[in-house]
Amino acid sequence: MTASIDSRLAELGLTLPQAAAPVAAYVPTVLAGGLLHVSGQLPFVDGQLVTGRLGESVSLEEGQAAARACGLMLLAQAKAALGSLDRIERVVKLGAFISSTADFTDQPKVANGASELMQAVFGEAGLHARSAVGVPVLPLGAAVEVDAIFAVRAA
């Protein structure tokens, strides 16, 4: 990768939010065996938590934007843990949880909001394995939650 990830974010017009503090008994990140595991992140857009359920009060487009916001928070947590996003070699896996009604079946399309962000930021290294799961409710009533595993270069 020739340009730094910070340069790439600026080129894409993206600003990382402040890394959110945990809301329960866990840590935001764990670095083990060359992998950075990032706890599930909730979607904050313009400082407000995106709440509701897909198939009910949240549109597909709003869900995708929420997943993208989760992705930005994942990057903010990774940067806080690593000091630089340039240490990320590969996005290994994303886990997307979508609060949705029983008849909503477009969870993969919602999760694309986070997946496409990772590909835009990291290029080919942003291609990853993924889960996209519909759930009846998420913490704080969030519409989407996404966690991540990143392969990391030694400091």
N, C-alpha and C. Protein backbone atom coordinates (compact mmCIF):
# COMPACT_ATOMS: atom_id res chain seq x y z
N MET A 1 0.85 -1.18 0.00
CA MET A 1 0.00 0.00 0.00
C MET A 1 0.89 1.24 0.00
N THR A 2 0.76 2.06 -1.01
CA THR A 2 1.65 3.20 -1.13
C THR A 2 1.24 4.37 -0.23
N ALA A 3 -0.02 4.71 -0.23
CA ALA A 3 -0.50 5.82 0.60
C ALA A 3 -0.88 5.30 1.98
N SER A 4 -0.79 6.17 2.97
CA SER A 4 -1.20 5.77 4.31
C SER A 4 -2.72 5.65 4.37
N ILE A 5 -3.18 4.90 5.34
CA ILE A 5 -4.62 4.73 5.51
C ILE A 5 -5.26 6.08 5.88
N ASP A 6 -4.57 6.88 6.68
CA ASP A 6 -5.11 8.21 7.00
C ASP A 6 -5.31 9.04 5.74
N SER A 7 -4.36 8.95 4.79
CA SER A 7 -4.50 9.66 3.52
C SER A 7 -5.68 9.13 2.74
N ARG A 8 -5.84 7.81 2.75
CA ARG A 8 -6.95 7.18 2.04
C ARG A 8 -8.29 7.63 2.62
N LEU A 9 -8.38 7.69 3.96
CA LEU A 9 -9.61 8.16 4.60
C LEU A 9 -9.92 9.59 4.17
N ALA A 10 -8.90 10.45 4.16
CA ALA A 10 -9.10 11.84 3.75
C ALA A 10 -9.55 11.91 2.29
N GLU A 11 -8.93 11.10 1.44
CA GLU A 11 -9.29 11.05 0.02
C GLU A 11 -10.76 10.64 -0.16
N LEU A 12 -11.24 9.75 0.71
CA LEU A 12 -12.63 9.30 0.66
C LEU A 12 -13.59 10.26 1.37
N GLY A 13 -13.02 11.31 1.99
CA GLY A 13 -13.85 12.28 2.70
C GLY A 13 -14.38 11.75 4.03
N LEU A 14 -13.65 10.81 4.63
CA LEU A 14 -14.10 10.18 5.87
C LEU A 14 -13.31 10.68 7.06
N THR A 15 -13.99 10.88 8.16
CA THR A 15 -13.38 11.25 9.43
C THR A 15 -13.76 10.21 10.45
N LEU A 16 -12.77 9.69 11.16
CA LEU A 16 -13.07 8.69 12.19
C LEU A 16 -13.66 9.37 13.42
N PRO A 17 -14.66 8.74 14.02
CA PRO A 17 -15.20 9.28 15.27
C PRO A 17 -14.23 9.01 16.42
N GLN A 18 -14.51 9.60 17.56
CA GLN A 18 -13.77 9.28 18.78
C GLN A 18 -14.13 7.84 19.16
N ALA A 19 -13.13 7.04 19.49
CA ALA A 19 -13.39 5.65 19.88
C ALA A 19 -14.29 5.63 21.12
N ALA A 20 -15.39 4.89 21.02
CA ALA A 20 -16.37 4.85 22.11
C ALA A 20 -15.87 4.00 23.28
N ALA A 21 -16.21 4.41 24.48
CA ALA A 21 -15.88 3.63 25.67
C ALA A 21 -16.83 2.44 25.77
N PRO A 22 -16.37 1.34 26.34
CA PRO A 22 -17.25 0.18 26.52
C PRO A 22 -18.45 0.54 27.40
N VAL A 23 -19.61 -0.10 27.12
CA VAL A 23 -20.81 0.17 27.90
C VAL A 23 -21.10 -0.95 28.92
N ALA A 24 -20.20 -1.92 29.02
CA ALA A 24 -20.39 -3.03 29.97
C ALA A 24 -19.02 -3.58 30.35
N ALA A 25 -18.98 -4.81 30.84
CA ALA A 25 -17.75 -5.41 31.38
C ALA A 25 -16.95 -6.11 30.28
N TYR A 26 -16.31 -5.32 29.42
CA TYR A 26 -15.44 -5.84 28.36
C TYR A 26 -14.47 -4.74 27.95
N VAL A 27 -13.49 -5.09 27.13
CA VAL A 27 -12.56 -4.11 26.58
C VAL A 27 -12.88 -3.95 25.09
N PRO A 28 -12.57 -2.79 24.52
CA PRO A 28 -12.90 -2.56 23.11
C PRO A 28 -12.11 -3.44 22.14
N THR A 29 -10.86 -3.75 22.51
CA THR A 29 -10.01 -4.53 21.61
C THR A 29 -9.13 -5.50 22.39
N VAL A 30 -8.76 -6.60 21.73
CA VAL A 30 -7.78 -7.54 22.26
C VAL A 30 -6.86 -7.91 21.10
N LEU A 31 -5.54 -7.70 21.31
CA LEU A 31 -4.54 -8.08 20.32
C LEU A 31 -3.92 -9.39 20.79
N ALA A 32 -4.07 -10.45 19.99
CA ALA A 32 -3.53 -11.76 20.36
C ALA A 32 -3.13 -12.50 19.09
N GLY A 33 -1.92 -13.04 19.08
CA GLY A 33 -1.48 -13.85 17.96
C GLY A 33 -1.50 -13.13 16.63
N GLY A 34 -1.19 -11.85 16.62
CA GLY A 34 -1.17 -11.09 15.37
C GLY A 34 -2.55 -10.69 14.85
N LEU A 35 -3.58 -10.95 15.66
CA LEU A 35 -4.94 -10.58 15.28
C LEU A 35 -5.50 -9.58 16.28
N LEU A 36 -6.10 -8.51 15.76
CA LEU A 36 -6.78 -7.54 16.61
C LEU A 36 -8.27 -7.84 16.53
N HIS A 37 -8.83 -8.24 17.67
CA HIS A 37 -10.27 -8.51 17.77
C HIS A 37 -10.91 -7.23 18.31
N VAL A 38 -11.88 -6.71 17.57
CA VAL A 38 -12.56 -5.48 17.99
C VAL A 38 -13.99 -5.85 18.38
N SER A 39 -14.34 -5.48 19.61
CA SER A 39 -15.69 -5.74 20.12
C SER A 39 -16.74 -5.09 19.23
N GLY A 40 -17.96 -5.61 19.31
CA GLY A 40 -19.06 -5.06 18.52
C GLY A 40 -19.23 -3.57 18.75
N GLN A 41 -19.39 -2.84 17.65
CA GLN A 41 -19.55 -1.39 17.70
C GLN A 41 -20.94 -1.02 17.20
N LEU A 42 -21.50 -0.02 17.85
CA LEU A 42 -22.84 0.45 17.51
C LEU A 42 -22.76 1.64 16.55
N PRO A 43 -23.86 1.91 15.84
CA PRO A 43 -23.84 2.97 14.82
C PRO A 43 -24.21 4.35 15.37
N PHE A 44 -23.24 5.24 15.38
CA PHE A 44 -23.51 6.63 15.74
C PHE A 44 -23.37 7.47 14.48
N VAL A 45 -24.43 8.19 14.13
CA VAL A 45 -24.43 9.09 12.99
C VAL A 45 -24.73 10.49 13.53
N ASP A 46 -23.82 11.41 13.27
CA ASP A 46 -23.94 12.79 13.79
C ASP A 46 -24.15 12.78 15.30
N GLY A 47 -23.44 11.88 15.99
CA GLY A 47 -23.48 11.82 17.44
C GLY A 47 -24.70 11.11 18.02
N GLN A 48 -25.60 10.65 17.17
CA GLN A 48 -26.82 9.99 17.64
C GLN A 48 -26.79 8.50 17.31
N LEU A 49 -27.19 7.68 18.26
CA LEU A 49 -27.28 6.25 18.03
C LEU A 49 -28.44 5.96 17.08
N VAL A 50 -28.18 5.18 16.03
CA VAL A 50 -29.23 4.77 15.11
C VAL A 50 -29.96 3.59 15.73
N THR A 51 -31.24 3.79 16.04
CA THR A 51 -32.03 2.76 16.70
C THR A 51 -33.18 2.31 15.80
N GLY A 52 -33.81 1.23 16.19
CA GLY A 52 -34.96 0.72 15.44
C GLY A 52 -34.64 -0.63 14.81
N ARG A 53 -35.62 -1.12 14.04
CA ARG A 53 -35.45 -2.44 13.41
C ARG A 53 -35.66 -2.34 11.90
N LEU A 54 -34.83 -3.08 11.18
CA LEU A 54 -35.00 -3.19 9.74
C LEU A 54 -36.29 -3.95 9.47
N GLY A 55 -37.03 -3.53 8.45
CA GLY A 55 -38.32 -4.15 8.16
C GLY A 55 -39.44 -3.55 8.97
N GLU A 56 -39.11 -2.56 9.80
CA GLU A 56 -40.12 -1.93 10.66
C GLU A 56 -39.96 -0.41 10.58
N SER A 57 -38.97 0.13 11.31
CA SER A 57 -38.81 1.59 11.37
C SER A 57 -37.53 2.09 10.71
N VAL A 58 -36.69 1.18 10.21
CA VAL A 58 -35.41 1.55 9.60
C VAL A 58 -35.39 1.01 8.16
N SER A 59 -35.12 1.89 7.20
CA SER A 59 -35.06 1.48 5.79
C SER A 59 -33.76 0.75 5.49
N LEU A 60 -33.72 0.06 4.37
CA LEU A 60 -32.50 -0.63 3.94
C LEU A 60 -31.35 0.36 3.84
N GLU A 61 -31.59 1.52 3.25
CA GLU A 61 -30.55 2.53 3.08
C GLU A 61 -30.05 3.05 4.43
N GLU A 62 -30.98 3.28 5.36
CA GLU A 62 -30.58 3.72 6.71
C GLU A 62 -29.78 2.62 7.41
N GLY A 63 -30.16 1.37 7.20
CA GLY A 63 -29.42 0.25 7.77
C GLY A 63 -28.01 0.16 7.22
N GLN A 64 -27.87 0.37 5.92
CA GLN A 64 -26.54 0.35 5.30
C GLN A 64 -25.67 1.49 5.85
N ALA A 65 -26.26 2.66 6.01
CA ALA A 65 -25.53 3.80 6.58
C ALA A 65 -25.14 3.50 8.03
N ALA A 66 -26.02 2.82 8.77
CA ALA A 66 -25.71 2.44 10.15
C ALA A 66 -24.55 1.45 10.18
N ALA A 67 -24.55 0.48 9.27
CA ALA A 67 -23.45 -0.49 9.22
C ALA A 67 -22.14 0.21 8.86
N ARG A 68 -22.21 1.19 7.97
CA ARG A 68 -21.02 1.97 7.62
C ARG A 68 -20.50 2.73 8.84
N ALA A 69 -21.43 3.30 9.62
CA ALA A 69 -21.04 4.01 10.84
C ALA A 69 -20.37 3.06 11.83
N CYS A 70 -20.88 1.83 11.92
CA CYS A 70 -20.23 0.82 12.76
C CYS A 70 -18.81 0.56 12.27
N GLY A 71 -18.66 0.48 10.94
CA GLY A 71 -17.34 0.26 10.36
C GLY A 71 -16.37 1.38 10.69
N LEU A 72 -16.84 2.61 10.65
CA LEU A 72 -15.97 3.74 11.02
C LEU A 72 -15.55 3.64 12.49
N MET A 73 -16.48 3.22 13.36
CA MET A 73 -16.14 3.06 14.77
C MET A 73 -15.16 1.91 14.97
N LEU A 74 -15.30 0.84 14.18
CA LEU A 74 -14.31 -0.26 14.24
C LEU A 74 -12.92 0.27 13.91
N LEU A 75 -12.83 1.10 12.88
CA LEU A 75 -11.53 1.69 12.50
C LEU A 75 -11.01 2.62 13.59
N ALA A 76 -11.91 3.37 14.22
CA ALA A 76 -11.49 4.26 15.31
C ALA A 76 -10.93 3.44 16.48
N GLN A 77 -11.58 2.34 16.81
CA GLN A 77 -11.09 1.47 17.89
C GLN A 77 -9.75 0.86 17.52
N ALA A 78 -9.62 0.41 16.27
CA ALA A 78 -8.35 -0.18 15.82
C ALA A 78 -7.23 0.85 15.89
N LYS A 79 -7.50 2.06 15.46
CA LYS A 79 -6.47 3.11 15.50
C LYS A 79 -6.08 3.43 16.94
N ALA A 80 -7.06 3.48 17.83
CA ALA A 80 -6.77 3.75 19.24
C ALA A 80 -5.90 2.63 19.83
N ALA A 81 -6.14 1.40 19.43
CA ALA A 81 -5.38 0.26 19.96
C ALA A 81 -3.99 0.15 19.36
N LEU A 82 -3.87 0.45 18.06
CA LEU A 82 -2.62 0.21 17.34
C LEU A 82 -1.75 1.45 17.16
N GLY A 83 -2.34 2.62 17.31
CA GLY A 83 -1.61 3.85 17.07
C GLY A 83 -1.68 4.30 15.62
N SER A 84 -1.78 3.35 14.70
CA SER A 84 -1.87 3.66 13.27
C SER A 84 -2.61 2.54 12.55
N LEU A 85 -3.51 2.93 11.66
CA LEU A 85 -4.22 1.93 10.86
C LEU A 85 -3.31 1.30 9.81
N ASP A 86 -2.13 1.89 9.59
CA ASP A 86 -1.17 1.31 8.65
C ASP A 86 -0.63 -0.03 9.13
N ARG A 87 -0.83 -0.35 10.40
CA ARG A 87 -0.40 -1.67 10.92
C ARG A 87 -1.35 -2.79 10.50
N ILE A 88 -2.52 -2.44 9.98
CA ILE A 88 -3.48 -3.47 9.56
C ILE A 88 -3.04 -4.05 8.21
N GLU A 89 -2.80 -5.35 8.20
CA GLU A 89 -2.42 -6.04 6.96
C GLU A 89 -3.63 -6.51 6.17
N ARG A 90 -4.69 -6.87 6.90
CA ARG A 90 -5.84 -7.47 6.25
C ARG A 90 -7.05 -7.38 7.16
N VAL A 91 -8.20 -7.12 6.59
CA VAL A 91 -9.46 -7.29 7.31
C VAL A 91 -9.79 -8.77 7.16
N VAL A 92 -9.82 -9.49 8.28
CA VAL A 92 -10.02 -10.94 8.25
C VAL A 92 -11.50 -11.28 8.23
N LYS A 93 -12.26 -10.69 9.17
CA LYS A 93 -13.67 -11.04 9.27
C LYS A 93 -14.47 -9.93 9.91
N LEU A 94 -15.69 -9.75 9.41
CA LEU A 94 -16.68 -8.88 10.05
C LEU A 94 -17.86 -9.73 10.48
N GLY A 95 -18.40 -9.41 11.62
CA GLY A 95 -19.65 -10.03 12.08
C GLY A 95 -20.68 -8.93 12.20
N ALA A 96 -21.75 -9.02 11.41
CA ALA A 96 -22.78 -7.98 11.42
C ALA A 96 -24.06 -8.55 12.01
N PHE A 97 -24.59 -7.83 12.97
CA PHE A 97 -25.85 -8.20 13.63
C PHE A 97 -26.85 -7.10 13.31
N ILE A 98 -27.98 -7.50 12.72
CA ILE A 98 -28.97 -6.54 12.26
C ILE A 98 -30.27 -6.77 13.01
N SER A 99 -30.71 -5.77 13.74
CA SER A 99 -32.00 -5.85 14.42
C SER A 99 -33.08 -5.78 13.35
N SER A 100 -33.86 -6.86 13.22
CA SER A 100 -34.81 -6.92 12.12
C SER A 100 -36.04 -7.73 12.47
N THR A 101 -37.08 -7.49 11.69
CA THR A 101 -38.33 -8.24 11.86
C THR A 101 -38.13 -9.64 11.31
N ALA A 102 -39.04 -10.53 11.66
CA ALA A 102 -38.93 -11.94 11.25
C ALA A 102 -39.00 -12.11 9.74
N ASP A 103 -39.65 -11.18 9.04
CA ASP A 103 -39.78 -11.33 7.59
C ASP A 103 -38.74 -10.54 6.80
N PHE A 104 -37.83 -9.84 7.47
CA PHE A 104 -36.77 -9.09 6.79
C PHE A 104 -35.63 -10.04 6.46
N THR A 105 -35.24 -10.11 5.19
CA THR A 105 -34.21 -11.08 4.79
C THR A 105 -33.03 -10.44 4.05
N ASP A 106 -32.90 -9.13 4.14
CA ASP A 106 -31.80 -8.45 3.44
C ASP A 106 -30.64 -8.10 4.37
N GLN A 107 -30.40 -8.90 5.41
CA GLN A 107 -29.27 -8.65 6.31
C GLN A 107 -27.95 -8.51 5.56
N PRO A 108 -27.68 -9.36 4.54
CA PRO A 108 -26.41 -9.20 3.81
C PRO A 108 -26.28 -7.84 3.14
N LYS A 109 -27.38 -7.30 2.62
CA LYS A 109 -27.34 -5.98 1.98
C LYS A 109 -27.04 -4.90 3.01
N VAL A 110 -27.59 -5.04 4.21
CA VAL A 110 -27.31 -4.08 5.28
C VAL A 110 -25.83 -4.14 5.64
N ALA A 111 -25.32 -5.36 5.84
CA ALA A 111 -23.91 -5.55 6.23
C ALA A 111 -22.95 -4.99 5.19
N ASN A 112 -23.40 -4.91 3.94
CA ASN A 112 -22.54 -4.36 2.89
C ASN A 112 -22.08 -2.93 3.21
N GLY A 113 -22.84 -2.21 4.03
CA GLY A 113 -22.41 -0.87 4.42
C GLY A 113 -21.04 -0.88 5.08
N ALA A 114 -20.80 -1.86 5.95
CA ALA A 114 -19.49 -2.00 6.61
C ALA A 114 -18.48 -2.65 5.67
N SER A 115 -18.91 -3.68 4.95
CA SER A 115 -17.99 -4.41 4.06
C SER A 115 -17.43 -3.51 2.96
N GLU A 116 -18.30 -2.74 2.34
CA GLU A 116 -17.85 -1.85 1.26
C GLU A 116 -16.92 -0.76 1.78
N LEU A 117 -17.15 -0.31 3.01
CA LEU A 117 -16.24 0.66 3.63
C LEU A 117 -14.84 0.06 3.76
N MET A 118 -14.75 -1.17 4.28
CA MET A 118 -13.43 -1.80 4.46
C MET A 118 -12.71 -1.96 3.12
N GLN A 119 -13.46 -2.31 2.09
CA GLN A 119 -12.85 -2.47 0.76
C GLN A 119 -12.39 -1.12 0.21
N ALA A 120 -13.17 -0.07 0.44
CA ALA A 120 -12.80 1.27 -0.03
C ALA A 120 -11.54 1.76 0.68
N VAL A 121 -11.43 1.48 1.97
CA VAL A 121 -10.29 1.97 2.76
C VAL A 121 -9.03 1.14 2.52
N PHE A 122 -9.16 -0.18 2.51
CA PHE A 122 -7.98 -1.05 2.46
C PHE A 122 -7.74 -1.70 1.10
N GLY A 123 -8.60 -1.46 0.12
CA GLY A 123 -8.44 -2.09 -1.18
C GLY A 123 -8.60 -3.60 -1.06
N GLU A 124 -7.76 -4.34 -1.76
CA GLU A 124 -7.86 -5.80 -1.76
C GLU A 124 -7.69 -6.38 -0.36
N ALA A 125 -6.90 -5.74 0.48
CA ALA A 125 -6.72 -6.20 1.87
C ALA A 125 -7.99 -6.01 2.70
N GLY A 126 -8.96 -5.29 2.15
CA GLY A 126 -10.23 -5.09 2.84
C GLY A 126 -11.25 -6.17 2.55
N LEU A 127 -10.95 -7.07 1.59
CA LEU A 127 -11.85 -8.20 1.31
C LEU A 127 -11.78 -9.16 2.48
N HIS A 128 -12.92 -9.63 2.95
CA HIS A 128 -12.96 -10.37 4.21
C HIS A 128 -14.06 -11.42 4.22
N ALA A 129 -13.94 -12.35 5.17
CA ALA A 129 -15.04 -13.27 5.47
C ALA A 129 -16.06 -12.49 6.30
N ARG A 130 -17.33 -12.99 6.32
CA ARG A 130 -18.34 -12.21 7.03
C ARG A 130 -19.52 -13.07 7.44
N SER A 131 -20.16 -12.65 8.52
CA SER A 131 -21.46 -13.16 8.93
C SER A 131 -22.42 -11.97 8.92
N ALA A 132 -23.67 -12.21 8.53
CA ALA A 132 -24.71 -11.18 8.58
C ALA A 132 -25.94 -11.85 9.17
N VAL A 133 -26.26 -11.51 10.41
CA VAL A 133 -27.27 -12.24 11.17
C VAL A 133 -28.38 -11.30 11.61
N GLY A 134 -29.61 -11.73 11.41
CA GLY A 134 -30.76 -10.98 11.90
C GLY A 134 -31.05 -11.37 13.34
N VAL A 135 -31.30 -10.37 14.18
CA VAL A 135 -31.60 -10.59 15.60
C VAL A 135 -32.80 -9.74 15.99
N PRO A 136 -33.54 -10.15 17.03
CA PRO A 136 -34.73 -9.38 17.41
C PRO A 136 -34.43 -8.06 18.11
N VAL A 137 -33.30 -7.98 18.80
CA VAL A 137 -32.97 -6.75 19.53
C VAL A 137 -31.46 -6.69 19.75
N LEU A 138 -30.93 -5.46 19.81
CA LEU A 138 -29.51 -5.23 20.07
C LEU A 138 -29.37 -4.27 21.25
N PRO A 139 -28.18 -4.20 21.87
CA PRO A 139 -27.99 -3.29 23.00
C PRO A 139 -28.43 -1.87 22.69
N LEU A 140 -29.07 -1.24 23.65
CA LEU A 140 -29.53 0.14 23.57
C LEU A 140 -30.53 0.38 22.44
N GLY A 141 -31.08 -0.70 21.88
CA GLY A 141 -32.04 -0.56 20.79
C GLY A 141 -31.41 -0.26 19.45
N ALA A 142 -30.07 -0.47 19.35
CA ALA A 142 -29.36 -0.16 18.10
C ALA A 142 -29.92 -0.97 16.94
N ALA A 143 -29.85 -0.38 15.74
CA ALA A 143 -30.32 -1.05 14.53
C ALA A 143 -29.31 -2.08 14.03
N VAL A 144 -28.02 -1.80 14.25
CA VAL A 144 -26.94 -2.64 13.72
C VAL A 144 -25.80 -2.66 14.73
N GLU A 145 -25.06 -3.77 14.77
CA GLU A 145 -23.82 -3.87 15.53
C GLU A 145 -22.85 -4.69 14.68
N VAL A 146 -21.60 -4.25 14.60
CA VAL A 146 -20.60 -4.97 13.81
C VAL A 146 -19.33 -5.12 14.62
N ASP A 147 -18.77 -6.35 14.59
CA ASP A 147 -17.46 -6.59 15.21
C ASP A 147 -16.47 -6.96 14.11
N ALA A 148 -15.17 -7.03 14.45
CA ALA A 148 -14.16 -7.27 13.42
C ALA A 148 -12.95 -8.00 13.96
N ILE A 149 -12.26 -8.66 13.04
CA ILE A 149 -10.95 -9.23 13.30
C ILE A 149 -10.03 -8.71 12.21
N PHE A 150 -8.91 -8.10 12.62
CA PHE A 150 -7.91 -7.56 11.69
C PHE A 150 -6.59 -8.29 11.88
N ALA A 151 -5.91 -8.64 10.81
CA ALA A 151 -4.53 -9.14 10.88
C ALA A 151 -3.63 -7.93 10.98
N VAL A 152 -2.65 -7.98 11.92
CA VAL A 152 -1.86 -6.81 12.26
C VAL A 152 -0.36 -7.09 12.13
N ARG A 153 0.36 -6.12 11.57
CA ARG A 153 1.84 -6.17 11.53
C ARG A 153 2.38 -5.86 12.91
N ALA A 154 3.53 -6.44 13.23
CA ALA A 154 4.18 -6.13 14.52
C ALA A 154 4.56 -4.65 14.54
N ALA A 155 4.58 -4.08 15.74
CA ALA A 155 4.89 -2.66 15.90
C ALA A 155 6.35 -2.38 15.56
